Protein backbone atom coordinates (compact mmCIF):
# COMPACT_ATOMS: atom_id res chain seq x y z
CA MET A 1 -16.31 35.16 22.89
CA PRO A 2 -17.06 31.93 24.78
CA HIS A 3 -18.55 29.03 22.83
CA GLY A 4 -20.75 26.12 23.91
CA PRO A 5 -22.87 25.67 27.02
CA ALA A 6 -21.84 27.42 30.21
CA GLU A 7 -22.08 24.15 32.14
CA VAL A 8 -21.90 20.51 31.18
CA GLY A 9 -24.78 18.25 32.15
CA VAL A 10 -27.85 19.02 34.23
CA GLY A 11 -28.66 20.29 37.69
CA PRO A 12 -30.69 18.58 40.42
CA TRP A 13 -33.76 16.61 39.33
CA GLN A 14 -36.84 18.83 39.18
CA GLY A 15 -40.06 17.51 40.73
CA GLU A 16 -40.83 14.10 42.16
CA TRP A 17 -38.03 11.58 41.89
CA PRO A 18 -38.58 8.63 39.51
CA THR A 19 -40.46 5.65 40.93
CA GLY A 20 -41.69 2.35 39.56
CA PRO A 21 -40.04 0.03 37.01
CA GLY A 22 -36.58 1.25 35.99
CA SER A 23 -36.23 3.70 38.85
CA GLU A 24 -33.49 1.53 40.40
CA ARG A 25 -31.11 2.74 37.72
CA TYR A 26 -31.06 6.26 39.13
CA ASP A 27 -28.39 7.45 41.58
CA PRO A 28 -29.86 9.37 44.55
CA GLU A 29 -26.78 11.57 44.87
CA LEU A 30 -27.01 12.60 41.21
CA LEU A 31 -30.75 13.24 41.47
CA ALA A 32 -30.11 15.50 44.46
CA GLY A 33 -26.97 17.27 43.28
CA GLY A 34 -27.13 17.16 39.48
CA ASP A 35 -25.21 15.20 36.88
CA ARG A 36 -22.18 16.94 35.35
CA ARG A 37 -20.52 13.80 33.95
CA ASN A 38 -19.38 13.39 30.36
CA VAL A 39 -22.23 11.02 29.40
CA VAL A 40 -24.94 11.19 26.74
CA ASP A 41 -28.38 12.41 27.78
CA ARG A 42 -29.74 8.86 27.85
CA TYR A 43 -27.67 8.20 30.97
CA ARG A 44 -28.34 11.37 32.94
CA TYR A 45 -28.79 10.59 36.63
CA TRP A 46 -28.07 6.88 36.10
CA SER A 47 -25.63 5.14 38.43
CA MET A 48 -22.34 4.01 36.92
CA GLU A 49 -23.33 0.37 37.47
CA ALA A 50 -26.60 0.86 35.59
CA ILE A 51 -24.80 2.50 32.66
CA VAL A 52 -22.27 -0.32 32.41
CA ALA A 53 -25.07 -2.92 32.53
CA ASP A 54 -26.90 -1.18 29.69
CA LEU A 55 -23.72 -0.91 27.63
CA ASP A 56 -23.00 -4.60 28.26
CA SER A 57 -26.35 -5.50 26.70
CA ARG A 58 -25.36 -3.81 23.44
CA ARG A 59 -21.58 -4.12 23.09
CA HIS A 60 -20.07 -4.76 19.68
CA GLY A 61 -18.00 -7.75 18.59
CA PHE A 62 -14.61 -6.03 18.33
CA HIS A 63 -11.91 -5.74 20.99
CA VAL A 64 -9.00 -3.30 21.16
CA ALA A 65 -5.54 -4.16 22.51
CA ILE A 66 -2.60 -1.83 23.08
CA GLU A 67 1.00 -2.71 23.87
CA ASN A 68 2.20 -0.74 26.89
CA TRP A 69 5.98 -0.95 27.21
CA GLN A 70 6.75 2.79 27.37
CA HIS A 71 3.66 4.21 29.13
CA ASP A 72 2.33 5.51 25.81
CA PHE A 73 0.18 8.63 26.27
CA ASN A 74 -2.08 7.43 23.42
CA ILE A 75 -3.58 4.61 25.48
CA GLY A 76 -6.07 6.81 27.30
CA THR A 77 -7.31 8.31 24.04
CA ILE A 78 -7.71 4.83 22.53
CA VAL A 79 -9.78 3.76 25.55
CA ARG A 80 -12.01 6.81 25.09
CA SER A 81 -12.58 5.94 21.43
CA ALA A 82 -13.25 2.31 22.37
CA ASN A 83 -15.98 3.52 24.71
CA ALA A 84 -17.48 5.77 22.03
CA PHE A 85 -17.62 2.91 19.50
CA LEU A 86 -18.77 0.43 22.20
CA ALA A 87 -15.93 -2.10 22.10
CA ALA A 88 -16.45 -5.43 23.83
CA GLU A 89 -13.24 -5.07 25.85
CA VAL A 90 -9.98 -3.15 25.93
CA HIS A 91 -6.74 -5.04 26.61
CA ILE A 92 -3.52 -3.54 27.96
CA VAL A 93 -0.47 -5.69 27.16
CA GLY A 94 2.73 -5.19 29.15
CA ASN A 95 2.97 -2.72 32.00
CA ARG A 96 -0.13 -2.72 34.20
CA ARG A 97 0.01 1.01 34.86
CA TRP A 98 -1.05 3.26 31.98
CA ASN A 99 -1.72 6.95 31.44
CA ARG A 100 -5.44 7.43 32.07
CA ARG A 101 -5.60 11.17 31.42
CA GLY A 102 -6.72 10.85 27.81
CA ALA A 103 -9.49 8.41 28.76
CA MET A 104 -11.52 11.22 30.38
CA VAL A 105 -12.84 8.66 32.94
CA THR A 106 -14.43 6.55 30.16
CA ASP A 107 -12.43 3.57 31.48
CA ARG A 108 -15.03 3.39 34.27
CA TYR A 109 -17.60 2.30 31.70
CA GLN A 110 -15.33 0.03 29.69
CA HIS A 111 -14.06 -3.46 30.54
CA VAL A 112 -10.27 -3.08 30.64
CA ARG A 113 -8.14 -6.22 31.05
CA HIS A 114 -4.40 -6.56 31.61
CA HIS A 115 -2.16 -9.20 30.02
CA ALA A 116 1.50 -9.52 30.87
CA THR A 117 2.48 -10.67 27.37
CA VAL A 118 1.06 -10.90 23.87
CA ASP A 119 1.00 -14.68 24.30
CA ASP A 120 -1.35 -14.23 27.25
CA LEU A 121 -3.60 -11.99 25.17
CA HIS A 122 -3.63 -14.46 22.29
CA ASP A 123 -4.55 -17.34 24.61
CA TYR A 124 -7.34 -15.31 26.21
CA LEU A 125 -8.83 -14.40 22.84
CA ALA A 126 -8.55 -17.99 21.58
CA SER A 127 -10.81 -19.16 24.40
CA TYR A 128 -13.06 -16.07 24.54
CA ASP A 129 -16.75 -16.83 24.79
CA GLY A 130 -18.13 -13.65 26.27
CA ASP A 131 -20.68 -12.47 23.73
CA GLY A 132 -23.61 -14.81 23.90
CA GLY A 133 -21.81 -18.12 23.58
CA ALA A 134 -20.79 -17.68 19.96
CA GLY A 135 -17.58 -19.64 20.57
CA GLY A 136 -14.71 -19.95 18.16
CA GLY A 137 -12.39 -17.42 19.74
CA VAL A 138 -11.45 -13.97 18.47
CA PRO A 139 -8.81 -13.43 15.75
CA LEU A 140 -6.00 -10.99 16.53
CA LEU A 141 -5.24 -8.44 13.81
CA GLY A 142 -2.31 -6.08 14.15
CA ILE A 143 -2.35 -2.56 12.74
CA ASP A 144 0.98 -1.57 11.26
CA ASN A 145 2.27 -0.58 7.83
CA LEU A 146 4.33 -3.74 7.45
CA PRO A 147 5.25 -5.51 4.20
CA GLY A 148 2.43 -7.87 3.28
CA SER A 149 -0.20 -6.10 5.38
CA LEU A 150 -3.71 -6.09 3.94
CA HIS A 151 -5.34 -2.76 3.16
CA LEU A 152 -7.97 -1.76 5.70
CA GLU A 153 -9.93 0.20 3.12
CA THR A 154 -10.54 -2.86 0.92
CA MET A 155 -10.70 -5.74 3.42
CA SER A 156 -13.78 -7.31 4.95
CA LEU A 157 -13.38 -7.32 8.73
CA PRO A 158 -14.69 -10.31 10.69
CA PRO A 159 -17.63 -9.68 13.05
CA ARG A 160 -15.47 -10.80 15.98
CA VAL A 161 -11.96 -9.38 16.01
CA CYS A 162 -9.33 -7.80 18.24
CA PHE A 163 -7.31 -4.89 16.87
CA LEU A 164 -3.79 -4.78 18.30
CA PHE A 165 -1.82 -1.53 18.30
CA GLY A 166 1.86 -1.09 19.08
CA GLN A 167 3.63 1.78 20.77
CA GLU A 168 3.80 5.18 19.16
CA GLY A 169 6.97 5.20 17.05
CA PRO A 170 8.25 1.60 16.98
CA GLY A 171 4.84 0.09 16.24
CA LEU A 172 4.07 -3.55 16.94
CA SER A 173 6.75 -5.47 18.82
CA ALA A 174 8.37 -8.53 17.25
CA ALA A 175 6.45 -10.77 19.66
CA ALA A 176 3.17 -9.13 18.68
CA ARG A 177 3.83 -9.60 14.97
CA GLU A 178 4.45 -13.29 15.51
CA ARG A 179 1.19 -13.81 17.41
CA CYS A 180 -1.08 -11.82 15.11
CA ASP A 181 -3.36 -13.78 12.79
CA GLY A 182 -2.74 -11.04 10.23
CA THR A 183 -1.87 -7.36 9.90
CA PHE A 184 -3.38 -4.49 8.00
CA SER A 185 -2.33 -0.96 7.15
CA ILE A 186 -4.21 2.30 6.67
CA ALA A 187 -3.87 4.21 3.40
CA GLN A 188 -1.72 7.35 3.62
CA PHE A 189 -0.98 9.91 0.93
CA GLY A 190 1.34 12.46 2.52
CA SER A 191 5.01 12.58 3.46
CA THR A 192 4.87 11.12 6.98
CA ARG A 193 5.71 7.43 7.46
CA SER A 194 2.93 6.80 9.96
CA ILE A 195 -0.08 8.33 11.65
CA ASN A 196 -0.71 8.74 15.37
CA ALA A 197 -1.58 5.47 17.11
CA SER A 198 -4.79 6.78 18.64
CA ALA A 199 -5.89 8.14 15.26
CA ALA A 200 -5.20 4.76 13.66
CA ALA A 201 -7.21 3.03 16.38
CA ALA A 202 -10.20 5.31 15.81
CA ILE A 203 -10.05 4.67 12.07
CA ALA A 204 -9.96 0.89 12.59
CA MET A 205 -12.85 0.91 15.05
CA HIS A 206 -14.95 3.14 12.82
CA THR A 207 -14.29 0.85 9.86
CA TRP A 208 -15.70 -2.06 11.89
CA VAL A 209 -18.73 0.06 12.80
CA VAL A 210 -19.40 0.91 9.15
CA GLN A 211 -19.26 -2.77 8.20
CA HIS A 212 -21.07 -4.40 11.13
CA ALA A 213 -22.89 -2.03 13.48
CA ASP A 214 -26.65 -1.40 13.36
CA LEU A 215 -26.89 2.14 12.02
CA SER A 216 -30.67 2.15 11.58
CA SER A 217 -31.50 3.45 15.06
CA ASP A 218 -31.37 7.05 16.20
CA GLU A 219 -29.25 5.75 19.10
CA ALA A 220 -26.33 5.45 16.67
CA TRP A 221 -26.28 9.20 16.11
CA ARG A 222 -26.66 10.51 19.63
CA GLY A 223 -24.40 13.23 20.91
């Protein structure tokens, strides 16, 4: 038996097209042909530029960075989670090309920056002033189960932070460990030595959301 809706999204706009204040956000092609994109209902028929502008007005204070030395298939999934949790920016460190399949086109709505080295990323974050002129830079925290790492479950995350993830398997590179302002690990209770990198990224981002995001609005629970 099939499950879920037969089609994703909505068909062509019914009735008179929107006019007046706010109507500029709508895309004529979507109004005419329907909107089958993987977006929440709030953004139905909106142009991509209008969606990004609205997201930019509400982005959170955390960034996500991923080392890309082996074309890790997890990167796309991490970008998708970063979009869901409304990260300020996503940073790809290393190879410019990355596997976008797991992103499910969410990279179109997310600011994705490339840095050739971890040093470049660290320097960018140190001078970052992109969220209302708060200043002071953004600390870089690595996620890896290294000796001396703090425990994510008991630490207080800063409002502005960049989570750095290494490649699946080897974890953070030696250069990344040296440039991190600190590292933390995620509690595990089974037999495996580590969890999937994209799963770890989602856990870290959600932990920031629990500590810092505004959860009072219905917008936080939209599907």
